[in-house]
Structures are given as structure tokens and as C-alpha cells.
Amino acid sequence: SFVTHNWEHAVPIFLRSMALAGKTIFM
């Protein structure tokens, strides 16, 4: 991919839901 990530990392869950609140991501 040509898309450059600001940051990236593995997480210990399969995300089924995300929500954004200010500078916090709930997953």
C-alpha cells in the first residue's frame, strides 16, 4: 500500500465496533 500510517499496531481483539470521542477512540 502507498498509504502512510501515522501509527499502527496489532490489538488483541477483533474490532466489531468503533466510536470517536475527541482524542479518544473507543473500540
mmCIF file of all heavy atoms, coordinates in Angstrom:
data_MODEL
# 
_entry.id   MODEL 
# 
loop_
_atom_site.group_PDB 
_atom_site.id 
_atom_site.type_symbol 
_atom_site.label_atom_id 
_atom_site.label_alt_id 
_atom_site.label_comp_id 
_atom_site.label_asym_id 
_atom_site.label_entity_id 
_atom_site.label_seq_id 
_atom_site.pdbx_PDB_ins_code 
_atom_site.Cartn_x 
_atom_site.Cartn_y 
_atom_site.Cartn_z 
_atom_site.occupancy 
_atom_site.B_iso_or_equiv 
_atom_site.pdbx_formal_charge 
_atom_site.auth_seq_id 
_atom_site.auth_comp_id 
_atom_site.auth_asym_id 
_atom_site.auth_atom_id 
_atom_site.pdbx_PDB_model_num 
ATOM 1   N N   . SER A 1 1  ? 0.831   -1.198  0.000  1.00 0.00 ? 1  SER A N   1 
ATOM 2   C CA  . SER A 1 1  ? 0.000   0.000   0.000  1.00 0.00 ? 1  SER A CA  1 
ATOM 3   C C   . SER A 1 1  ? 0.866   1.249   0.000  1.00 0.00 ? 1  SER A C   1 
ATOM 4   O O   . SER A 1 1  ? 1.945   1.273   0.588  1.00 0.00 ? 1  SER A O   1 
ATOM 5   C CB  . SER A 1 1  ? -0.915  0.012   1.232  1.00 0.00 ? 1  SER A CB  1 
ATOM 6   O OG  . SER A 1 1  ? -1.640  1.219   1.313  1.00 0.00 ? 1  SER A OG  1 
ATOM 7   N N   . PHE A 1 2  ? 0.371   2.293   -0.681 1.00 0.00 ? 2  PHE A N   1 
ATOM 8   C CA  . PHE A 1 2  ? 1.056   3.583   -0.671 1.00 0.00 ? 2  PHE A CA  1 
ATOM 9   C C   . PHE A 1 2  ? 0.611   4.456   0.508  1.00 0.00 ? 2  PHE A C   1 
ATOM 10  O O   . PHE A 1 2  ? 1.173   5.517   0.739  1.00 0.00 ? 2  PHE A O   1 
ATOM 11  C CB  . PHE A 1 2  ? 0.772   4.335   -1.974 1.00 0.00 ? 2  PHE A CB  1 
ATOM 12  C CG  . PHE A 1 2  ? 1.481   3.762   -3.166 1.00 0.00 ? 2  PHE A CG  1 
ATOM 13  C CD1 . PHE A 1 2  ? 0.774   3.147   -4.185 1.00 0.00 ? 2  PHE A CD1 1 
ATOM 14  C CD2 . PHE A 1 2  ? 2.862   3.822   -3.270 1.00 0.00 ? 2  PHE A CD2 1 
ATOM 15  C CE1 . PHE A 1 2  ? 1.413   2.618   -5.286 1.00 0.00 ? 2  PHE A CE1 1 
ATOM 16  C CE2 . PHE A 1 2  ? 3.515   3.299   -4.368 1.00 0.00 ? 2  PHE A CE2 1 
ATOM 17  C CZ  . PHE A 1 2  ? 2.791   2.690   -5.385 1.00 0.00 ? 2  PHE A CZ  1 
ATOM 18  N N   . VAL A 1 3  ? -0.416  4.035   1.231  1.00 0.00 ? 3  VAL A N   1 
ATOM 19  C CA  . VAL A 1 3  ? -0.931  4.845   2.341  1.00 0.00 ? 3  VAL A CA  1 
ATOM 20  C C   . VAL A 1 3  ? 0.048   4.787   3.508  1.00 0.00 ? 3  VAL A C   1 
ATOM 21  O O   . VAL A 1 3  ? 0.371   3.708   4.012  1.00 0.00 ? 3  VAL A O   1 
ATOM 22  C CB  . VAL A 1 3  ? -2.315  4.332   2.785  1.00 0.00 ? 3  VAL A CB  1 
ATOM 23  C CG1 . VAL A 1 3  ? -2.823  5.132   3.977  1.00 0.00 ? 3  VAL A CG1 1 
ATOM 24  C CG2 . VAL A 1 3  ? -3.303  4.412   1.628  1.00 0.00 ? 3  VAL A CG2 1 
ATOM 25  N N   . THR A 1 4  ? 0.528   5.944   3.947  1.00 0.00 ? 4  THR A N   1 
ATOM 26  C CA  . THR A 1 4  ? 1.457   6.023   5.072  1.00 0.00 ? 4  THR A CA  1 
ATOM 27  C C   . THR A 1 4  ? 0.676   6.207   6.367  1.00 0.00 ? 4  THR A C   1 
ATOM 28  O O   . THR A 1 4  ? -0.174  7.083   6.468  1.00 0.00 ? 4  THR A O   1 
ATOM 29  C CB  . THR A 1 4  ? 2.431   7.199   4.896  1.00 0.00 ? 4  THR A CB  1 
ATOM 30  O OG1 . THR A 1 4  ? 3.193   6.988   3.694  1.00 0.00 ? 4  THR A OG1 1 
ATOM 31  C CG2 . THR A 1 4  ? 3.383   7.281   6.071  1.00 0.00 ? 4  THR A CG2 1 
ATOM 32  N N   . HIS A 1 5  ? 0.960   5.375   7.333  1.00 0.00 ? 5  HIS A N   1 
ATOM 33  C CA  . HIS A 1 5  ? 0.268   5.440   8.615  1.00 0.00 ? 5  HIS A CA  1 
ATOM 34  C C   . HIS A 1 5  ? 1.004   6.349   9.595  1.00 0.00 ? 5  HIS A C   1 
ATOM 35  O O   . HIS A 1 5  ? 2.234   6.312   9.682  1.00 0.00 ? 5  HIS A O   1 
ATOM 36  C CB  . HIS A 1 5  ? 0.147   4.044   9.221  1.00 0.00 ? 5  HIS A CB  1 
ATOM 37  C CG  . HIS A 1 5  ? -0.789  3.151   8.465  1.00 0.00 ? 5  HIS A CG  1 
ATOM 38  N ND1 . HIS A 1 5  ? -0.845  1.784   8.649  1.00 0.00 ? 5  HIS A ND1 1 
ATOM 39  C CD2 . HIS A 1 5  ? -1.717  3.439   7.505  1.00 0.00 ? 5  HIS A CD2 1 
ATOM 40  C CE1 . HIS A 1 5  ? -1.768  1.264   7.844  1.00 0.00 ? 5  HIS A CE1 1 
ATOM 41  N NE2 . HIS A 1 5  ? -2.304  2.255   7.149  1.00 0.00 ? 5  HIS A NE2 1 
ATOM 42  N N   . ASN A 1 6  ? 0.240   7.149   10.328 1.00 0.00 ? 6  ASN A N   1 
ATOM 43  C CA  . ASN A 1 6  ? 0.824   7.941   11.413 1.00 0.00 ? 6  ASN A CA  1 
ATOM 44  C C   . ASN A 1 6  ? 1.313   7.020   12.520 1.00 0.00 ? 6  ASN A C   1 
ATOM 45  O O   . ASN A 1 6  ? 2.349   7.258   13.134 1.00 0.00 ? 6  ASN A O   1 
ATOM 46  C CB  . ASN A 1 6  ? -0.205  8.925   11.983 1.00 0.00 ? 6  ASN A CB  1 
ATOM 47  C CG  . ASN A 1 6  ? -0.752  9.856   10.920 1.00 0.00 ? 6  ASN A CG  1 
ATOM 48  O OD1 . ASN A 1 6  ? -0.016  10.344  10.067 1.00 0.00 ? 6  ASN A OD1 1 
ATOM 49  N ND2 . ASN A 1 6  ? -2.054  10.103  10.952 1.00 0.00 ? 6  ASN A ND2 1 
ATOM 50  N N   . TRP A 1 7  ? 0.542   6.000   12.791 1.00 0.00 ? 7  TRP A N   1 
ATOM 51  C CA  . TRP A 1 7  ? 0.928   4.924   13.712 1.00 0.00 ? 7  TRP A CA  1 
ATOM 52  C C   . TRP A 1 7  ? 0.116   3.691   13.356 1.00 0.00 ? 7  TRP A C   1 
ATOM 53  O O   . TRP A 1 7  ? -0.917  3.777   12.696 1.00 0.00 ? 7  TRP A O   1 
ATOM 54  C CB  . TRP A 1 7  ? 0.749   5.316   15.184 1.00 0.00 ? 7  TRP A CB  1 
ATOM 55  C CG  . TRP A 1 7  ? -0.605  5.879   15.560 1.00 0.00 ? 7  TRP A CG  1 
ATOM 56  C CD1 . TRP A 1 7  ? -0.910  7.190   15.757 1.00 0.00 ? 7  TRP A CD1 1 
ATOM 57  C CD2 . TRP A 1 7  ? -1.829  5.146   15.798 1.00 0.00 ? 7  TRP A CD2 1 
ATOM 58  N NE1 . TRP A 1 7  ? -2.237  7.341   16.084 1.00 0.00 ? 7  TRP A NE1 1 
ATOM 59  C CE2 . TRP A 1 7  ? -2.829  6.090   16.134 1.00 0.00 ? 7  TRP A CE2 1 
ATOM 60  C CE3 . TRP A 1 7  ? -2.167  3.797   15.762 1.00 0.00 ? 7  TRP A CE3 1 
ATOM 61  C CZ2 . TRP A 1 7  ? -4.142  5.716   16.420 1.00 0.00 ? 7  TRP A CZ2 1 
ATOM 62  C CZ3 . TRP A 1 7  ? -3.478  3.423   16.046 1.00 0.00 ? 7  TRP A CZ3 1 
ATOM 63  C CH2 . TRP A 1 7  ? -4.442  4.385   16.385 1.00 0.00 ? 7  TRP A CH2 1 
ATOM 64  N N   . GLU A 1 8  ? 0.595   2.542   13.777 1.00 0.00 ? 8  GLU A N   1 
ATOM 65  C CA  . GLU A 1 8  ? -0.095  1.280   13.526 1.00 0.00 ? 8  GLU A CA  1 
ATOM 66  C C   . GLU A 1 8  ? 0.385   0.253   14.531 1.00 0.00 ? 8  GLU A C   1 
ATOM 67  O O   . GLU A 1 8  ? 1.546   0.271   14.936 1.00 0.00 ? 8  GLU A O   1 
ATOM 68  C CB  . GLU A 1 8  ? 0.179   0.780   12.103 1.00 0.00 ? 8  GLU A CB  1 
ATOM 69  C CG  . GLU A 1 8  ? 1.641   0.480   11.846 1.00 0.00 ? 8  GLU A CG  1 
ATOM 70  C CD  . GLU A 1 8  ? 1.936   0.070   10.408 1.00 0.00 ? 8  GLU A CD  1 
ATOM 71  O OE1 . GLU A 1 8  ? 1.237   0.544   9.500  1.00 0.00 ? 8  GLU A OE1 1 
ATOM 72  O OE2 . GLU A 1 8  ? 2.885   -0.703  10.224 1.00 0.00 ? 8  GLU A OE2 1 
ATOM 73  N N   . HIS A 1 9  ? -0.475  -0.630  14.960 1.00 0.00 ? 9  HIS A N   1 
ATOM 74  C CA  . HIS A 1 9  ? -0.057  -1.735  15.819 1.00 0.00 ? 9  HIS A CA  1 
ATOM 75  C C   . HIS A 1 9  ? -1.169  -2.772  15.927 1.00 0.00 ? 9  HIS A C   1 
ATOM 76  O O   . HIS A 1 9  ? -2.344  -2.496  15.661 1.00 0.00 ? 9  HIS A O   1 
ATOM 77  C CB  . HIS A 1 9  ? 0.356   -1.252  17.215 1.00 0.00 ? 9  HIS A CB  1 
ATOM 78  C CG  . HIS A 1 9  ? -0.720  -0.555  17.995 1.00 0.00 ? 9  HIS A CG  1 
ATOM 79  N ND1 . HIS A 1 9  ? -1.720  -1.223  18.649 1.00 0.00 ? 9  HIS A ND1 1 
ATOM 80  C CD2 . HIS A 1 9  ? -0.961  0.766   18.211 1.00 0.00 ? 9  HIS A CD2 1 
ATOM 81  C CE1 . HIS A 1 9  ? -2.517  -0.354  19.259 1.00 0.00 ? 9  HIS A CE1 1 
ATOM 82  N NE2 . HIS A 1 9  ? -2.078  0.851   18.992 1.00 0.00 ? 9  HIS A NE2 1 
ATOM 83  N N   . ALA A 1 10 ? -0.763  -3.975  16.299 1.00 0.00 ? 10 ALA A N   1 
ATOM 84  C CA  . ALA A 1 10 ? -1.720  -5.053  16.497 1.00 0.00 ? 10 ALA A CA  1 
ATOM 85  C C   . ALA A 1 10 ? -2.507  -4.818  17.778 1.00 0.00 ? 10 ALA A C   1 
ATOM 86  O O   . ALA A 1 10 ? -2.019  -4.189  18.719 1.00 0.00 ? 10 ALA A O   1 
ATOM 87  C CB  . ALA A 1 10 ? -0.989  -6.391  16.570 1.00 0.00 ? 10 ALA A CB  1 
ATOM 88  N N   . VAL A 1 11 ? -3.726  -5.320  17.827 1.00 0.00 ? 11 VAL A N   1 
ATOM 89  C CA  . VAL A 1 11 ? -4.561  -5.237  19.023 1.00 0.00 ? 11 VAL A CA  1 
ATOM 90  C C   . VAL A 1 11 ? -5.082  -6.637  19.336 1.00 0.00 ? 11 VAL A C   1 
ATOM 91  O O   . VAL A 1 11 ? -5.200  -7.478  18.434 1.00 0.00 ? 11 VAL A O   1 
ATOM 92  C CB  . VAL A 1 11 ? -5.732  -4.243  18.842 1.00 0.00 ? 11 VAL A CB  1 
ATOM 93  C CG1 . VAL A 1 11 ? -5.220  -2.819  18.753 1.00 0.00 ? 11 VAL A CG1 1 
ATOM 94  C CG2 . VAL A 1 11 ? -6.557  -4.587  17.609 1.00 0.00 ? 11 VAL A CG2 1 
ATOM 95  N N   . PRO A 1 12 ? -5.399  -6.920  20.595 1.00 0.00 ? 12 PRO A N   1 
ATOM 96  C CA  . PRO A 1 12 ? -5.750  -8.291  20.995 1.00 0.00 ? 12 PRO A CA  1 
ATOM 97  C C   . PRO A 1 12 ? -7.210  -8.669  20.772 1.00 0.00 ? 12 PRO A C   1 
ATOM 98  O O   . PRO A 1 12 ? -7.677  -9.637  21.356 1.00 0.00 ? 12 PRO A O   1 
ATOM 99  C CB  . PRO A 1 12 ? -5.411  -8.289  22.487 1.00 0.00 ? 12 PRO A CB  1 
ATOM 100 C CG  . PRO A 1 12 ? -5.659  -6.884  22.920 1.00 0.00 ? 12 PRO A CG  1 
ATOM 101 C CD  . PRO A 1 12 ? -5.252  -6.015  21.759 1.00 0.00 ? 12 PRO A CD  1 
ATOM 102 N N   . ILE A 1 13 ? -7.933  -7.915  19.946 1.00 0.00 ? 13 ILE A N   1 
ATOM 103 C CA  . ILE A 1 13 ? -9.343  -8.204  19.724 1.00 0.00 ? 13 ILE A CA  1 
ATOM 104 C C   . ILE A 1 13 ? -9.675  -8.089  18.240 1.00 0.00 ? 13 ILE A C   1 
ATOM 105 O O   . ILE A 1 13 ? -8.928  -7.478  17.462 1.00 0.00 ? 13 ILE A O   1 
ATOM 106 C CB  . ILE A 1 13 ? -10.268 -7.240  20.519 1.00 0.00 ? 13 ILE A CB  1 
ATOM 107 C CG1 . ILE A 1 13 ? -10.011 -5.784  20.099 1.00 0.00 ? 13 ILE A CG1 1 
ATOM 108 C CG2 . ILE A 1 13 ? -10.095 -7.434  22.015 1.00 0.00 ? 13 ILE A CG2 1 
ATOM 109 C CD1 . ILE A 1 13 ? -10.949 -4.777  20.749 1.00 0.00 ? 13 ILE A CD1 1 
ATOM 110 N N   . PHE A 1 14 ? -10.804 -8.694  17.829 1.00 0.00 ? 14 PHE A N   1 
ATOM 111 C CA  . PHE A 1 14 ? -11.404 -8.449  16.521 1.00 0.00 ? 14 PHE A CA  1 
ATOM 112 C C   . PHE A 1 14 ? -12.387 -7.296  16.698 1.00 0.00 ? 14 PHE A C   1 
ATOM 113 O O   . PHE A 1 14 ? -13.412 -7.450  17.361 1.00 0.00 ? 14 PHE A O   1 
ATOM 114 C CB  . PHE A 1 14 ? -12.161 -9.683  16.030 1.00 0.00 ? 14 PHE A CB  1 
ATOM 115 C CG  . PHE A 1 14 ? -11.294 -10.745 15.426 1.00 0.00 ? 14 PHE A CG  1 
ATOM 116 C CD1 . PHE A 1 14 ? -11.033 -11.921 16.106 1.00 0.00 ? 14 PHE A CD1 1 
ATOM 117 C CD2 . PHE A 1 14 ? -10.753 -10.568 14.160 1.00 0.00 ? 14 PHE A CD2 1 
ATOM 118 C CE1 . PHE A 1 14 ? -10.245 -12.911 15.538 1.00 0.00 ? 14 PHE A CE1 1 
ATOM 119 C CE2 . PHE A 1 14 ? -9.967  -11.550 13.583 1.00 0.00 ? 14 PHE A CE2 1 
ATOM 120 C CZ  . PHE A 1 14 ? -9.711  -12.724 14.276 1.00 0.00 ? 14 PHE A CZ  1 
ATOM 121 N N   . LEU A 1 15 ? -12.085 -6.145  16.107 1.00 0.00 ? 15 LEU A N   1 
ATOM 122 C CA  . LEU A 1 15 ? -12.955 -4.987  16.292 1.00 0.00 ? 15 LEU A CA  1 
ATOM 123 C C   . LEU A 1 15 ? -14.294 -5.197  15.594 1.00 0.00 ? 15 LEU A C   1 
ATOM 124 O O   . LEU A 1 15 ? -14.346 -5.393  14.378 1.00 0.00 ? 15 LEU A O   1 
ATOM 125 C CB  . LEU A 1 15 ? -12.291 -3.726  15.742 1.00 0.00 ? 15 LEU A CB  1 
ATOM 126 C CG  . LEU A 1 15 ? -11.573 -2.865  16.788 1.00 0.00 ? 15 LEU A CG  1 
ATOM 127 C CD1 . LEU A 1 15 ? -10.312 -3.579  17.260 1.00 0.00 ? 15 LEU A CD1 1 
ATOM 128 C CD2 . LEU A 1 15 ? -11.225 -1.509  16.216 1.00 0.00 ? 15 LEU A CD2 1 
ATOM 129 N N   . ARG A 1 16 ? -15.343 -5.120  16.378 1.00 0.00 ? 16 ARG A N   1 
ATOM 130 C CA  . ARG A 1 16 ? -16.698 -5.149  15.825 1.00 0.00 ? 16 ARG A CA  1 
ATOM 131 C C   . ARG A 1 16 ? -17.346 -3.770  15.885 1.00 0.00 ? 16 ARG A C   1 
ATOM 132 O O   . ARG A 1 16 ? -18.322 -3.520  15.189 1.00 0.00 ? 16 ARG A O   1 
ATOM 133 C CB  . ARG A 1 16 ? -17.565 -6.148  16.591 1.00 0.00 ? 16 ARG A CB  1 
ATOM 134 C CG  . ARG A 1 16 ? -17.156 -7.607  16.362 1.00 0.00 ? 16 ARG A CG  1 
ATOM 135 C CD  . ARG A 1 16 ? -18.074 -8.554  17.113 1.00 0.00 ? 16 ARG A CD  1 
ATOM 136 N NE  . ARG A 1 16 ? -19.476 -8.357  16.753 1.00 0.00 ? 16 ARG A NE  1 
ATOM 137 C CZ  . ARG A 1 16 ? -20.064 -8.908  15.698 1.00 0.00 ? 16 ARG A CZ  1 
ATOM 138 N NH1 . ARG A 1 16 ? -19.361 -9.702  14.895 1.00 0.00 ? 16 ARG A NH1 1 
ATOM 139 N NH2 . ARG A 1 16 ? -21.338 -8.690  15.445 1.00 0.00 ? 16 ARG A NH2 1 
ATOM 140 N N   . SER A 1 17 ? -16.780 -2.900  16.730 1.00 0.00 ? 17 SER A N   1 
ATOM 141 C CA  . SER A 1 17 ? -17.358 -1.561  16.862 1.00 0.00 ? 17 SER A CA  1 
ATOM 142 C C   . SER A 1 17 ? -16.270 -0.552  17.193 1.00 0.00 ? 17 SER A C   1 
ATOM 143 O O   . SER A 1 17 ? -15.320 -0.867  17.912 1.00 0.00 ? 17 SER A O   1 
ATOM 144 C CB  . SER A 1 17 ? -18.427 -1.529  17.954 1.00 0.00 ? 17 SER A CB  1 
ATOM 145 O OG  . SER A 1 17 ? -19.570 -2.265  17.565 1.00 0.00 ? 17 SER A OG  1 
ATOM 146 N N   . MET A 1 18 ? -16.429 0.670   16.661 1.00 0.00 ? 18 MET A N   1 
ATOM 147 C CA  . MET A 1 18 ? -15.550 1.795   16.967 1.00 0.00 ? 18 MET A CA  1 
ATOM 148 C C   . MET A 1 18 ? -16.398 3.041   17.155 1.00 0.00 ? 18 MET A C   1 
ATOM 149 O O   . MET A 1 18 ? -17.446 3.191   16.514 1.00 0.00 ? 18 MET A O   1 
ATOM 150 C CB  . MET A 1 18 ? -14.546 2.056   15.848 1.00 0.00 ? 18 MET A CB  1 
ATOM 151 C CG  . MET A 1 18 ? -13.506 0.981   15.629 1.00 0.00 ? 18 MET A CG  1 
ATOM 152 S SD  . MET A 1 18 ? -12.325 1.460   14.326 1.00 0.00 ? 18 MET A SD  1 
ATOM 153 C CE  . MET A 1 18 ? -11.321 2.670   15.190 1.00 0.00 ? 18 MET A CE  1 
ATOM 154 N N   . ALA A 1 19 ? -15.933 3.925   18.018 1.00 0.00 ? 19 ALA A N   1 
ATOM 155 C CA  . ALA A 1 19 ? -16.576 5.228   18.188 1.00 0.00 ? 19 ALA A CA  1 
ATOM 156 C C   . ALA A 1 19 ? -15.502 6.241   18.555 1.00 0.00 ? 19 ALA A C   1 
ATOM 157 O O   . ALA A 1 19 ? -14.550 5.916   19.267 1.00 0.00 ? 19 ALA A O   1 
ATOM 158 C CB  . ALA A 1 19 ? -17.648 5.170   19.272 1.00 0.00 ? 19 ALA A CB  1 
ATOM 159 N N   . LEU A 1 20 ? -15.645 7.463   18.051 1.00 0.00 ? 20 LEU A N   1 
ATOM 160 C CA  . LEU A 1 20 ? -14.658 8.510   18.283 1.00 0.00 ? 20 LEU A CA  1 
ATOM 161 C C   . LEU A 1 20 ? -15.249 9.571   19.186 1.00 0.00 ? 20 LEU A C   1 
ATOM 162 O O   . LEU A 1 20 ? -16.369 10.051  18.952 1.00 0.00 ? 20 LEU A O   1 
ATOM 163 C CB  . LEU A 1 20 ? -14.237 9.131   16.950 1.00 0.00 ? 20 LEU A CB  1 
ATOM 164 C CG  . LEU A 1 20 ? -13.134 10.188  16.984 1.00 0.00 ? 20 LEU A CG  1 
ATOM 165 C CD1 . LEU A 1 20 ? -11.827 9.585   17.476 1.00 0.00 ? 20 LEU A CD1 1 
ATOM 166 C CD2 . LEU A 1 20 ? -12.947 10.790  15.590 1.00 0.00 ? 20 LEU A CD2 1 
ATOM 167 N N   . ALA A 1 21 ? -14.479 9.944   20.229 1.00 0.00 ? 21 ALA A N   1 
ATOM 168 C CA  . ALA A 1 21 ? -14.905 10.999  21.148 1.00 0.00 ? 21 ALA A CA  1 
ATOM 169 C C   . ALA A 1 21 ? -13.705 11.884  21.430 1.00 0.00 ? 21 ALA A C   1 
ATOM 170 O O   . ALA A 1 21 ? -12.815 11.508  22.208 1.00 0.00 ? 21 ALA A O   1 
ATOM 171 C CB  . ALA A 1 21 ? -15.448 10.406  22.442 1.00 0.00 ? 21 ALA A CB  1 
ATOM 172 N N   . GLY A 1 22 ? -13.637 13.059  20.772 1.00 0.00 ? 22 GLY A N   1 
ATOM 173 C CA  . GLY A 1 22 ? -12.496 13.942  20.960 1.00 0.00 ? 22 GLY A CA  1 
ATOM 174 C C   . GLY A 1 22 ? -11.219 13.276  20.487 1.00 0.00 ? 22 GLY A C   1 
ATOM 175 O O   . GLY A 1 22 ? -11.101 12.870  19.332 1.00 0.00 ? 22 GLY A O   1 
ATOM 176 N N   . LYS A 1 23 ? -10.253 13.115  21.398 1.00 0.00 ? 23 LYS A N   1 
ATOM 177 C CA  . LYS A 1 23 ? -8.976  12.491  21.068 1.00 0.00 ? 23 LYS A CA  1 
ATOM 178 C C   . LYS A 1 23 ? -8.905  11.051  21.553 1.00 0.00 ? 23 LYS A C   1 
ATOM 179 O O   . LYS A 1 23 ? -7.817  10.494  21.727 1.00 0.00 ? 23 LYS A O   1 
ATOM 180 C CB  . LYS A 1 23 ? -7.827  13.305  21.637 1.00 0.00 ? 23 LYS A CB  1 
ATOM 181 C CG  . LYS A 1 23 ? -7.694  14.697  21.014 1.00 0.00 ? 23 LYS A CG  1 
ATOM 182 C CD  . LYS A 1 23 ? -6.474  15.430  21.527 1.00 0.00 ? 23 LYS A CD  1 
ATOM 183 C CE  . LYS A 1 23 ? -6.334  16.794  20.837 1.00 0.00 ? 23 LYS A CE  1 
ATOM 184 N NZ  . LYS A 1 23 ? -5.120  17.507  21.313 1.00 0.00 ? 23 LYS A NZ  1 
ATOM 185 N N   . THR A 1 24 ? -10.073 10.438  21.764 1.00 0.00 ? 24 THR A N   1 
ATOM 186 C CA  . THR A 1 24 ? -10.129 9.057   22.235 1.00 0.00 ? 24 THR A CA  1 
ATOM 187 C C   . THR A 1 24 ? -10.944 8.200   21.278 1.00 0.00 ? 24 THR A C   1 
ATOM 188 O O   . THR A 1 24 ? -12.039 8.580   20.872 1.00 0.00 ? 24 THR A O   1 
ATOM 189 C CB  . THR A 1 24 ? -10.745 8.972   23.646 1.00 0.00 ? 24 THR A CB  1 
ATOM 190 O OG1 . THR A 1 24 ? -9.951  9.730   24.553 1.00 0.00 ? 24 THR A OG1 1 
ATOM 191 C CG2 . THR A 1 24 ? -10.799 7.525   24.124 1.00 0.00 ? 24 THR A CG2 1 
ATOM 192 N N   . ILE A 1 25 ? -10.379 7.045   20.924 1.00 0.00 ? 25 ILE A N   1 
ATOM 193 C CA  . ILE A 1 25 ? -11.099 6.045   20.142 1.00 0.00 ? 25 ILE A CA  1 
ATOM 194 C C   . ILE A 1 25 ? -11.569 4.964   21.107 1.00 0.00 ? 25 ILE A C   1 
ATOM 195 O O   . ILE A 1 25 ? -10.773 4.438   21.892 1.00 0.00 ? 25 ILE A O   1 
ATOM 196 C CB  . ILE A 1 25 ? -10.192 5.392   19.084 1.00 0.00 ? 25 ILE A CB  1 
ATOM 197 C CG1 . ILE A 1 25 ? -9.588  6.431   18.151 1.00 0.00 ? 25 ILE A CG1 1 
ATOM 198 C CG2 . ILE A 1 25 ? -10.959 4.336   18.292 1.00 0.00 ? 25 ILE A CG2 1 
ATOM 199 C CD1 . ILE A 1 25 ? -8.439  5.896   17.318 1.00 0.00 ? 25 ILE A CD1 1 
ATOM 200 N N   . PHE A 1 26 ? -12.851 4.646   21.067 1.00 0.00 ? 26 PHE A N   1 
ATOM 201 C CA  . PHE A 1 26 ? -13.348 3.501   21.808 1.00 0.00 ? 26 PHE A CA  1 
ATOM 202 C C   . PHE A 1 26 ? -13.492 2.344   20.823 1.00 0.00 ? 26 PHE A C   1 
ATOM 203 O O   . PHE A 1 26 ? -14.056 2.506   19.740 1.00 0.00 ? 26 PHE A O   1 
ATOM 204 C CB  . PHE A 1 26 ? -14.704 3.803   22.454 1.00 0.00 ? 26 PHE A CB  1 
ATOM 205 C CG  . PHE A 1 26 ? -14.609 4.796   23.574 1.00 0.00 ? 26 PHE A CG  1 
ATOM 206 C CD1 . PHE A 1 26 ? -14.999 6.123   23.390 1.00 0.00 ? 26 PHE A CD1 1 
ATOM 207 C CD2 . PHE A 1 26 ? -14.119 4.424   24.819 1.00 0.00 ? 26 PHE A CD2 1 
ATOM 208 C CE1 . PHE A 1 26 ? -14.903 7.046   24.413 1.00 0.00 ? 26 PHE A CE1 1 
ATOM 209 C CE2 . PHE A 1 26 ? -14.018 5.339   25.852 1.00 0.00 ? 26 PHE A CE2 1 
ATOM 210 C CZ  . PHE A 1 26 ? -14.409 6.654   25.652 1.00 0.00 ? 26 PHE A CZ  1 
ATOM 211 N N   . MET A 1 27 ? -12.959 1.192   21.186 1.00 0.00 ? 27 MET A N   1 
ATOM 212 C CA  . MET A 1 27 ? -13.042 0.021   20.312 1.00 0.00 ? 27 MET A CA  1 
ATOM 213 C C   . MET A 1 27 ? -13.403 -1.198  21.148 1.00 0.00 ? 27 MET A C   1 
ATOM 214 O O   . MET A 1 27 ? -13.008 -1.323  22.301 1.00 0.00 ? 27 MET A O   1 
ATOM 215 C CB  . MET A 1 27 ? -11.722 -0.209  19.576 1.00 0.00 ? 27 MET A CB  1 
ATOM 216 C CG  . MET A 1 27 ? -10.542 -0.536  20.472 1.00 0.00 ? 27 MET A CG  1 
ATOM 217 S SD  . MET A 1 27 ? -9.026  -0.814  19.514 1.00 0.00 ? 27 MET A SD  1 
ATOM 218 C CE  . MET A 1 27 ? -7.952  -1.500  20.795 1.00 0.00 ? 27 MET A CE  1 
# 
